[in-house]
Each structure stands twice: as C-alpha cells, then as structure tokens.
N, C-alpha and C. Protein backbone atom coordinates (compact mmCIF):
# COMPACT_ATOMS: atom_id res chain seq x y z
N UNK A 1 126.29 188.10 224.08
CA UNK A 1 126.87 187.38 222.98
C UNK A 1 126.56 188.16 221.70
N UNK A 2 127.56 188.30 220.87
CA UNK A 2 127.34 189.01 219.62
C UNK A 2 126.55 188.13 218.67
N UNK A 3 125.92 188.77 217.72
CA UNK A 3 125.11 188.04 216.74
C UNK A 3 125.98 187.08 215.92
N UNK A 4 127.16 187.52 215.54
CA UNK A 4 128.06 186.68 214.75
C UNK A 4 128.51 185.46 215.55
N UNK A 5 128.81 185.66 216.82
CA UNK A 5 129.24 184.54 217.66
C UNK A 5 128.09 183.55 217.85
N UNK A 6 126.88 184.05 218.05
CA UNK A 6 125.71 183.19 218.19
C UNK A 6 125.48 182.38 216.93
N UNK A 7 125.63 183.01 215.76
CA UNK A 7 125.45 182.31 214.50
C UNK A 7 126.54 181.24 214.32
N UNK A 8 127.76 181.58 214.70
CA UNK A 8 128.86 180.61 214.58
C UNK A 8 128.60 179.41 215.47
N UNK A 9 128.09 179.63 216.70
CA UNK A 9 127.79 178.52 217.60
C UNK A 9 126.67 177.64 217.03
N UNK A 10 125.66 178.27 216.46
CA UNK A 10 124.55 177.53 215.87
C UNK A 10 125.03 176.68 214.70
N UNK A 11 125.86 177.26 213.84
CA UNK A 11 126.38 176.52 212.69
C UNK A 11 127.28 175.37 213.13
N UNK A 12 128.01 175.56 214.22
CA UNK A 12 128.89 174.51 214.72
C UNK A 12 128.09 173.29 215.16
N UNK A 13 126.84 173.49 215.55
CA UNK A 13 125.98 172.39 215.95
C UNK A 13 125.19 171.84 214.78
N UNK A 14 124.61 172.71 213.96
CA UNK A 14 123.70 172.30 212.89
C UNK A 14 124.44 171.64 211.72
N UNK A 15 125.55 172.19 211.30
CA UNK A 15 126.26 171.66 210.12
C UNK A 15 126.69 170.21 210.32
N UNK A 16 127.31 169.83 211.47
CA UNK A 16 127.66 168.42 211.64
C UNK A 16 126.44 167.50 211.60
N UNK A 17 125.32 167.95 212.18
CA UNK A 17 124.11 167.13 212.16
C UNK A 17 123.64 166.91 210.73
N UNK A 18 123.61 167.97 209.92
CA UNK A 18 123.17 167.84 208.54
C UNK A 18 124.12 166.96 207.73
N UNK A 19 125.41 167.12 207.93
CA UNK A 19 126.39 166.29 207.21
C UNK A 19 126.26 164.84 207.62
N UNK A 20 126.07 164.60 208.90
CA UNK A 20 125.93 163.25 209.41
C UNK A 20 124.71 162.59 208.79
N UNK A 21 123.59 163.31 208.78
CA UNK A 21 122.35 162.77 208.21
C UNK A 21 122.50 162.54 206.70
N UNK A 22 123.16 163.47 206.00
CA UNK A 22 123.29 163.36 204.54
C UNK A 22 124.13 162.15 204.13
N UNK A 23 125.20 161.88 204.84
CA UNK A 23 126.07 160.78 204.45
C UNK A 23 125.51 159.42 204.85
N UNK A 24 124.45 159.41 205.67
CA UNK A 24 123.90 158.16 206.15
C UNK A 24 122.46 157.94 205.70
N UNK A 25 122.05 158.51 204.56
CA UNK A 25 120.67 158.40 204.09
C UNK A 25 120.23 156.96 203.87
N UNK A 26 121.13 156.08 203.43
CA UNK A 26 120.75 154.71 203.09
C UNK A 26 120.68 153.80 204.31
N UNK A 27 121.17 154.23 205.45
CA UNK A 27 121.19 153.42 206.66
C UNK A 27 119.88 153.58 207.44
N UNK A 28 119.56 152.56 208.24
CA UNK A 28 118.45 152.68 209.17
C UNK A 28 118.86 153.66 210.25
N UNK A 29 117.94 154.51 210.66
CA UNK A 29 118.26 155.51 211.67
C UNK A 29 117.23 155.49 212.79
N UNK A 30 117.60 156.09 213.90
CA UNK A 30 116.76 156.12 215.08
C UNK A 30 116.63 157.54 215.61
N UNK A 31 115.56 157.76 216.35
CA UNK A 31 115.42 158.99 217.12
C UNK A 31 115.83 158.66 218.55
N UNK A 32 116.75 159.44 219.11
CA UNK A 32 117.22 159.25 220.48
C UNK A 32 116.73 160.41 221.32
N UNK A 33 116.12 160.09 222.45
CA UNK A 33 115.60 161.13 223.36
C UNK A 33 116.22 160.93 224.74
N UNK A 34 116.78 162.00 225.26
CA UNK A 34 117.48 161.96 226.54
C UNK A 34 116.77 162.85 227.56
N UNK A 35 116.72 162.37 228.79
CA UNK A 35 116.30 163.18 229.93
C UNK A 35 117.41 163.03 230.96
N UNK A 36 117.97 164.16 231.41
CA UNK A 36 119.08 164.14 232.36
C UNK A 36 118.60 164.81 233.66
N UNK A 37 118.71 164.05 234.77
CA UNK A 37 118.25 164.55 236.07
C UNK A 37 119.32 164.29 237.13
N UNK A 38 119.16 164.98 238.26
CA UNK A 38 120.01 164.73 239.43
C UNK A 38 119.48 163.48 240.14
N UNK A 39 120.37 162.59 240.49
CA UNK A 39 119.94 161.34 241.12
C UNK A 39 119.24 161.58 242.46
N UNK A 40 119.76 162.50 243.28
CA UNK A 40 119.24 162.64 244.65
C UNK A 40 117.83 163.24 244.72
N UNK A 41 117.44 164.06 243.74
CA UNK A 41 116.12 164.70 243.84
C UNK A 41 115.30 164.62 242.54
N UNK A 42 115.86 163.99 241.51
CA UNK A 42 115.18 163.80 240.22
C UNK A 42 114.85 165.11 239.50
N UNK A 43 115.52 166.21 239.87
CA UNK A 43 115.30 167.49 239.19
C UNK A 43 116.08 167.51 237.88
N UNK A 44 115.49 168.11 236.84
CA UNK A 44 116.18 168.16 235.54
C UNK A 44 117.44 169.01 235.60
N UNK A 45 118.41 168.66 234.76
CA UNK A 45 119.67 169.40 234.69
C UNK A 45 119.69 170.15 233.37
N UNK A 46 119.71 171.46 233.46
CA UNK A 46 119.74 172.33 232.28
C UNK A 46 121.18 172.48 231.79
N UNK A 47 121.35 172.54 230.48
CA UNK A 47 122.65 172.77 229.82
C UNK A 47 123.68 171.68 230.08
N UNK A 48 123.24 170.48 230.38
CA UNK A 48 124.18 169.36 230.47
C UNK A 48 124.63 169.03 229.04
N UNK A 49 125.87 168.63 228.89
CA UNK A 49 126.38 168.21 227.58
C UNK A 49 126.14 166.72 227.41
N UNK A 50 125.43 166.36 226.35
CA UNK A 50 125.23 164.96 225.99
C UNK A 50 126.11 164.72 224.77
N UNK A 51 127.20 164.00 224.97
CA UNK A 51 128.18 163.78 223.91
C UNK A 51 127.98 162.37 223.36
N UNK A 52 127.79 162.28 222.04
CA UNK A 52 127.53 161.02 221.37
C UNK A 52 128.73 160.66 220.50
N UNK A 53 129.26 159.47 220.69
CA UNK A 53 130.39 158.98 219.90
C UNK A 53 129.94 157.71 219.20
N UNK A 54 129.89 157.71 217.87
CA UNK A 54 129.64 156.47 217.14
C UNK A 54 130.89 155.62 217.23
N UNK A 55 130.71 154.32 217.40
CA UNK A 55 131.83 153.40 217.54
C UNK A 55 131.92 152.49 216.33
N UNK A 56 133.15 152.19 215.91
CA UNK A 56 133.33 151.24 214.82
C UNK A 56 133.31 149.82 215.39
N UNK A 57 133.50 148.83 214.54
CA UNK A 57 133.40 147.42 214.96
C UNK A 57 134.45 147.05 216.00
N UNK A 58 135.54 147.81 216.08
CA UNK A 58 136.60 147.55 217.05
C UNK A 58 136.44 148.38 218.34
N UNK A 59 135.35 149.13 218.43
CA UNK A 59 135.10 149.93 219.63
C UNK A 59 135.78 151.29 219.64
N UNK A 60 136.37 151.68 218.51
CA UNK A 60 137.02 152.99 218.42
C UNK A 60 135.99 154.05 218.04
N UNK A 61 136.15 155.22 218.61
CA UNK A 61 135.23 156.32 218.33
C UNK A 61 135.45 156.84 216.91
N UNK A 62 134.35 157.01 216.15
CA UNK A 62 134.41 157.51 214.78
C UNK A 62 133.93 158.96 214.72
N UNK A 63 132.65 159.14 214.82
CA UNK A 63 132.06 160.48 214.74
C UNK A 63 131.64 160.91 216.13
N UNK A 64 131.72 162.21 216.39
CA UNK A 64 131.31 162.75 217.68
C UNK A 64 130.34 163.90 217.47
N UNK A 65 129.34 163.97 218.32
CA UNK A 65 128.35 165.04 218.27
C UNK A 65 127.97 165.41 219.69
N UNK A 66 127.65 166.68 219.90
CA UNK A 66 127.29 167.15 221.23
C UNK A 66 125.92 167.80 221.20
N UNK A 67 125.09 167.44 222.17
CA UNK A 67 123.78 168.06 222.37
C UNK A 67 123.79 168.76 223.72
N UNK A 68 122.89 169.72 223.92
CA UNK A 68 122.73 170.39 225.21
C UNK A 68 121.29 170.19 225.67
N UNK A 69 121.12 169.93 226.96
CA UNK A 69 119.78 169.76 227.48
C UNK A 69 119.10 171.11 227.65
N UNK A 70 117.76 171.09 227.55
CA UNK A 70 116.98 172.31 227.72
C UNK A 70 116.63 172.49 229.21
N UNK A 71 115.74 173.42 229.52
CA UNK A 71 115.38 173.71 230.91
C UNK A 71 114.69 172.53 231.60
N UNK A 72 114.18 171.58 230.83
CA UNK A 72 113.54 170.40 231.40
C UNK A 72 114.49 169.19 231.42
N UNK A 73 115.77 169.44 231.11
CA UNK A 73 116.76 168.37 231.11
C UNK A 73 116.67 167.46 229.90
N UNK A 74 116.00 167.92 228.84
CA UNK A 74 115.78 167.08 227.66
C UNK A 74 116.65 167.50 226.48
N UNK A 75 117.04 166.50 225.71
CA UNK A 75 117.76 166.70 224.45
C UNK A 75 117.39 165.54 223.54
N UNK A 76 117.40 165.77 222.24
CA UNK A 76 117.07 164.68 221.32
C UNK A 76 117.77 164.89 219.99
N UNK A 77 117.85 163.78 219.25
CA UNK A 77 118.40 163.82 217.91
C UNK A 77 117.66 162.77 217.09
N UNK A 78 117.35 163.11 215.86
CA UNK A 78 116.71 162.17 214.94
C UNK A 78 117.70 161.89 213.81
N UNK A 79 117.67 160.68 213.29
CA UNK A 79 118.57 160.34 212.19
C UNK A 79 119.87 159.72 212.63
N UNK A 80 119.93 159.19 213.85
CA UNK A 80 121.14 158.53 214.33
C UNK A 80 121.21 157.13 213.71
N UNK A 81 122.26 156.81 212.96
CA UNK A 81 122.37 155.49 212.34
C UNK A 81 122.43 154.37 213.39
N UNK A 82 121.85 153.24 213.04
CA UNK A 82 121.92 152.06 213.90
C UNK A 82 123.39 151.69 214.09
N UNK A 83 123.68 151.09 215.23
CA UNK A 83 125.04 150.65 215.52
C UNK A 83 125.41 150.95 216.95
N UNK A 84 126.69 150.82 217.25
CA UNK A 84 127.19 151.05 218.60
C UNK A 84 127.40 152.54 218.83
N UNK A 85 127.02 152.97 220.04
CA UNK A 85 127.10 154.39 220.39
C UNK A 85 127.56 154.53 221.83
N UNK A 86 128.53 155.40 222.06
CA UNK A 86 128.97 155.73 223.41
C UNK A 86 128.32 157.07 223.78
N UNK A 87 127.66 157.07 224.93
CA UNK A 87 126.99 158.27 225.43
C UNK A 87 127.72 158.75 226.67
N UNK A 88 128.12 160.02 226.66
CA UNK A 88 128.71 160.65 227.83
C UNK A 88 127.86 161.86 228.18
N UNK A 89 127.62 162.05 229.47
CA UNK A 89 126.87 163.22 229.91
C UNK A 89 127.72 163.95 230.94
N UNK A 90 127.90 165.26 230.70
CA UNK A 90 128.78 166.07 231.53
C UNK A 90 128.00 167.29 232.02
N UNK A 91 128.08 167.55 233.33
CA UNK A 91 127.45 168.73 233.92
C UNK A 91 128.33 169.21 235.07
N UNK A 92 128.43 170.52 235.26
CA UNK A 92 129.27 171.04 236.35
C UNK A 92 128.84 170.51 237.71
N UNK A 93 129.80 170.22 238.54
CA UNK A 93 129.61 169.79 239.93
C UNK A 93 128.87 168.47 240.06
N UNK A 94 128.88 167.64 239.01
CA UNK A 94 128.27 166.31 239.06
C UNK A 94 129.22 165.31 238.40
N UNK A 95 129.11 164.04 238.79
CA UNK A 95 129.95 163.01 238.19
C UNK A 95 129.58 162.82 236.72
N UNK A 96 130.57 162.62 235.89
CA UNK A 96 130.35 162.36 234.47
C UNK A 96 129.79 160.96 234.29
N UNK A 97 128.81 160.85 233.39
CA UNK A 97 128.19 159.57 233.07
C UNK A 97 128.76 159.09 231.74
N UNK A 98 128.97 157.78 231.62
CA UNK A 98 129.40 157.21 230.36
C UNK A 98 128.97 155.77 230.23
N UNK A 99 128.40 155.44 229.08
CA UNK A 99 127.98 154.06 228.84
C UNK A 99 127.84 153.84 227.33
N UNK A 100 128.08 152.60 226.90
CA UNK A 100 127.91 152.23 225.50
C UNK A 100 126.56 151.56 225.30
N UNK A 101 125.94 151.82 224.14
CA UNK A 101 124.63 151.27 223.80
C UNK A 101 124.65 150.73 222.38
N UNK A 102 123.75 149.81 222.11
CA UNK A 102 123.53 149.31 220.75
C UNK A 102 122.24 149.95 220.25
N UNK A 103 122.33 150.77 219.22
CA UNK A 103 121.15 151.42 218.64
C UNK A 103 120.61 150.48 217.57
N UNK A 104 119.38 149.98 217.78
CA UNK A 104 118.83 149.01 216.84
C UNK A 104 117.31 149.04 216.77
N UNK A 105 116.72 150.17 217.17
CA UNK A 105 115.28 150.33 217.03
C UNK A 105 114.98 151.78 216.68
N UNK A 106 113.82 152.06 216.08
CA UNK A 106 113.54 153.39 215.55
C UNK A 106 113.51 154.51 216.57
N UNK A 107 113.14 154.20 217.82
CA UNK A 107 113.08 155.22 218.86
C UNK A 107 113.68 154.64 220.14
N UNK A 108 114.55 155.41 220.77
CA UNK A 108 115.13 154.99 222.05
C UNK A 108 115.09 156.15 223.03
N UNK A 109 114.63 155.86 224.25
CA UNK A 109 114.56 156.86 225.31
C UNK A 109 115.61 156.53 226.37
N UNK A 110 116.31 157.55 226.83
CA UNK A 110 117.35 157.40 227.84
C UNK A 110 117.04 158.33 229.01
N UNK A 111 117.04 157.79 230.20
CA UNK A 111 116.92 158.59 231.42
C UNK A 111 118.25 158.45 232.14
N UNK A 112 118.96 159.53 232.26
CA UNK A 112 120.30 159.50 232.84
C UNK A 112 120.28 160.29 234.14
N UNK A 113 120.68 159.61 235.20
CA UNK A 113 120.72 160.23 236.53
C UNK A 113 122.17 160.50 236.90
N UNK A 114 122.49 161.78 237.06
CA UNK A 114 123.86 162.15 237.44
C UNK A 114 123.97 162.24 238.95
N UNK A 115 125.07 161.74 239.46
CA UNK A 115 125.32 161.71 240.90
C UNK A 115 126.20 162.87 241.32
N UNK A 116 126.04 163.27 242.58
CA UNK A 116 126.94 164.26 243.16
C UNK A 116 128.32 163.62 243.30
N UNK A 117 129.38 164.40 243.21
CA UNK A 117 130.73 163.82 243.35
C UNK A 117 130.93 163.25 244.75
N UNK A 118 131.74 162.24 244.84
CA UNK A 118 132.05 161.63 246.14
C UNK A 118 133.06 162.50 246.86
N UNK A 119 133.03 162.43 248.19
CA UNK A 119 134.02 163.15 248.98
C UNK A 119 135.40 162.59 248.69
N UNK A 120 136.37 163.48 248.61
CA UNK A 120 137.74 163.05 248.39
C UNK A 120 138.49 163.05 249.71
N UNK A 121 139.27 162.02 249.88
CA UNK A 121 140.07 161.90 251.08
C UNK A 121 141.50 162.27 250.77
N UNK A 122 142.14 162.90 251.73
CA UNK A 122 143.52 163.29 251.53
C UNK A 122 144.32 162.96 252.81
N UNK A 123 145.55 162.59 252.64
CA UNK A 123 146.40 162.33 253.79
C UNK A 123 147.19 163.57 254.18
N UNK A 124 147.03 164.64 253.45
CA UNK A 124 147.78 165.86 253.73
C UNK A 124 147.00 166.79 254.62
C-alpha cells in the first residue's frame, strides 16, 4: 500500500469520527466496546467490519460509521451519542449479524458471535 493511500484510508476513518464527536458535544455519549468471535469455537475474528448506523425517531438510518476489529476481534468507539443504534457485523465466509440497540448508559459491551453460513439447497 502506498503511503498516500494509507493516509487517505486513515483520514476516511478519523475525520467522520471527529466530525461526529464535534457536532454532538452537548449530548450524553457512551463508549461502545465490541468483541467479535466465531460461534462454533469462540475464536476472535480479525478485520470484521462493525458498521454502526444511528437511527432517527422513525427508525431511519442517519449517520453511518465503520470500525474494524483487531487481531483479538475487538473494536471500540468513544463518544457515541445516546439513542437508537443499528449494529451490523460483516466478515467473509460468515453470516452477517444485525441488531438494533438503545444506547443509554456510559459504557456498553457487545459480544457478537458470527455463525457459519447454512448449506444451500438447490433443485438443479
């Protein structure tokens, strides 16, 4: 990876986080900590995408942010405003996880277990 491309990728992650935090200074915020593992053996999943969608009062997605898990399957964010949040976790060769949560306390821990895909049946 070139240095410029690496810097562009870093800015694509950091700038939205800083803007999100700056515009929400007056709101109560939480630290969210995620651990993503394989359901069958509880091993951590590296580089899983943890996609966070803030939801408005009607359940529509407003802001979106993406985190990546580290080698221990962990990812975290501090400064997440209280309110409704949709969490999606995506990893290659595993079923996508998705669930909505109400963020209403200073610290929240999430343990997400991804399942292997189910066998597909075909009549052909």
